Amino acid sequence: MIIGVTALIFAVVNKSLVILLVASILAGILQSLAFMGSLADVSQIAPADRKGDIVATYYVVVYVATALPAVGVGILSDLGSLSNAFLISSYAVIGICATGLVGLTVELHARSAGRNSTT
């Protein structure tokens, strides 16, 4: 997702419609892959007797998390320009994604270290 958002930033900064279209397709593909992967993870780890509840909750969280940036951009664009609103929200998305990536990396290293110390 970081790559897609970065491509969108590049398109907006360079005011290029062609780059914007390509970046939008790229961002959409990458976001859908992230969604598919995270949904598969949630579905896999959910207990069978609660899978429906957990997956439904996952969908609600994803829809809210998808809607909030759009609302935020709308509010920010009313206060300033649409380009600045987009850039501010894009940097926030990149920061959130980077934080998640660091957390995931730390967790994977901790799990790997735990497995290595028991074998």
Protein backbone atom coordinates (compact mmCIF):
# COMPACT_ATOMS: atom_id res chain seq x y z
CA MET A 1 0.00 0.00 0.00
CA ILE A 2 2.90 2.33 0.69
CA ILE A 3 4.03 1.92 -2.92
CA GLY A 4 0.58 2.73 -4.31
CA VAL A 5 0.10 5.81 -2.14
CA THR A 6 3.61 7.01 -2.98
CA ALA A 7 2.79 6.67 -6.69
CA LEU A 8 -0.39 8.70 -6.14
CA ILE A 9 1.59 11.41 -4.35
CA PHE A 10 4.03 11.49 -7.27
CA ALA A 11 1.13 11.93 -9.70
CA VAL A 12 -0.46 14.75 -7.71
CA VAL A 13 2.81 16.59 -7.17
CA ASN A 14 3.66 16.34 -10.89
CA LYS A 15 0.07 17.14 -11.95
CA SER A 16 0.06 14.27 -14.44
CA LEU A 17 -3.23 12.65 -15.40
CA VAL A 18 -1.51 9.65 -17.00
CA ILE A 19 0.58 8.98 -13.91
CA LEU A 20 -2.53 9.47 -11.75
CA LEU A 21 -4.45 6.84 -13.72
CA VAL A 22 -1.59 4.33 -13.58
CA ALA A 23 -0.99 5.07 -9.88
CA SER A 24 -4.71 4.65 -9.13
CA ILE A 25 -4.76 1.24 -10.79
CA LEU A 26 -1.58 0.24 -8.94
CA ALA A 27 -2.93 1.47 -5.59
CA GLY A 28 -6.22 -0.34 -6.17
CA ILE A 29 -4.50 -3.62 -6.99
CA LEU A 30 -2.17 -3.37 -4.01
CA GLN A 31 -4.99 -2.44 -1.62
CA SER A 32 -7.07 -5.37 -2.84
CA LEU A 33 -4.13 -7.73 -2.26
CA ALA A 34 -3.71 -6.37 1.26
CA PHE A 35 -7.43 -6.81 1.89
CA MET A 36 -7.43 -10.38 0.56
CA GLY A 37 -4.41 -11.33 2.64
CA SER A 38 -5.70 -9.81 5.85
CA LEU A 39 -9.15 -11.35 5.38
CA ALA A 40 -7.54 -14.75 4.80
CA ASP A 41 -5.52 -14.31 8.01
CA VAL A 42 -8.57 -13.32 10.03
CA SER A 43 -10.60 -16.19 8.62
CA GLN A 44 -7.80 -18.65 9.32
CA ILE A 45 -7.22 -17.70 12.95
CA ALA A 46 -10.90 -17.24 13.87
CA PRO A 47 -12.38 -20.11 15.89
CA ALA A 48 -14.92 -22.07 13.83
CA ASP A 49 -17.80 -21.31 16.20
CA ARG A 50 -17.16 -17.53 16.00
CA LYS A 51 -15.88 -17.18 12.44
CA GLY A 52 -19.02 -15.44 11.16
CA ASP A 53 -18.99 -12.88 13.97
CA ILE A 54 -15.30 -12.19 13.63
CA VAL A 55 -15.34 -11.86 9.83
CA ALA A 56 -18.40 -9.58 10.01
CA THR A 57 -16.61 -7.41 12.56
CA TYR A 58 -13.56 -7.36 10.31
CA TYR A 59 -15.68 -6.05 7.42
CA VAL A 60 -17.15 -3.29 9.61
CA VAL A 61 -13.69 -2.21 10.76
CA VAL A 62 -12.37 -2.22 7.17
CA TYR A 63 -15.31 -0.19 5.85
CA VAL A 64 -14.98 2.39 8.61
CA ALA A 65 -11.21 2.54 8.12
CA THR A 66 -11.78 3.06 4.40
CA ALA A 67 -14.42 5.76 4.88
CA LEU A 68 -12.59 7.85 7.49
CA PRO A 69 -9.76 8.98 5.18
CA ALA A 70 -12.30 10.05 2.54
CA VAL A 71 -14.21 12.09 5.11
CA GLY A 72 -10.93 13.50 6.40
CA VAL A 73 -9.85 14.58 2.93
CA GLY A 74 -13.23 16.25 2.44
CA ILE A 75 -12.91 18.19 5.67
CA LEU A 76 -9.30 19.16 4.97
CA SER A 77 -10.15 20.26 1.42
CA ASP A 78 -12.83 22.58 2.81
CA LEU A 79 -10.16 24.14 5.02
CA GLY A 80 -7.57 24.41 2.24
CA SER A 81 -6.92 22.94 -1.17
CA LEU A 82 -7.77 19.45 -2.37
CA SER A 83 -4.12 18.77 -3.26
CA ASN A 84 -2.91 19.68 0.22
CA ALA A 85 -5.70 17.64 1.81
CA PHE A 86 -4.72 14.64 -0.31
CA LEU A 87 -1.03 15.03 0.53
CA ILE A 88 -1.67 15.33 4.28
CA SER A 89 -3.91 12.26 4.32
CA SER A 90 -1.48 10.32 2.10
CA TYR A 91 1.40 10.97 4.46
CA ALA A 92 -0.80 9.85 7.35
CA VAL A 93 -1.67 6.62 5.49
CA ILE A 94 2.01 5.99 4.76
CA GLY A 95 2.84 6.57 8.44
CA ILE A 96 0.14 4.14 9.56
CA CYS A 97 1.27 1.53 7.04
CA ALA A 98 4.92 1.94 8.02
CA THR A 99 4.02 1.59 11.70
CA GLY A 100 2.11 -1.59 10.94
CA LEU A 101 4.98 -2.92 8.87
CA VAL A 102 7.45 -2.29 11.68
CA GLY A 103 5.12 -3.94 14.19
CA LEU A 104 4.66 -6.95 11.94
CA THR A 105 8.40 -7.26 11.39
CA VAL A 106 9.09 -7.09 15.14
CA GLU A 107 6.40 -9.72 15.79
CA LEU A 108 7.75 -12.05 13.11
CA HIS A 109 11.30 -11.72 14.47
CA ALA A 110 10.05 -12.40 18.01
CA ARG A 111 8.19 -15.51 16.85
CA SER A 112 11.20 -16.69 14.88
CA ALA A 113 13.48 -16.17 17.88
CA GLY A 114 11.02 -18.05 20.10
CA ARG A 115 10.95 -21.02 17.74
CA ASN A 116 14.72 -21.04 17.37
CA SER A 117 15.31 -21.04 21.14
CA THR A 118 13.02 -24.06 21.71
CA THR A 119 14.60 -26.25 19.03
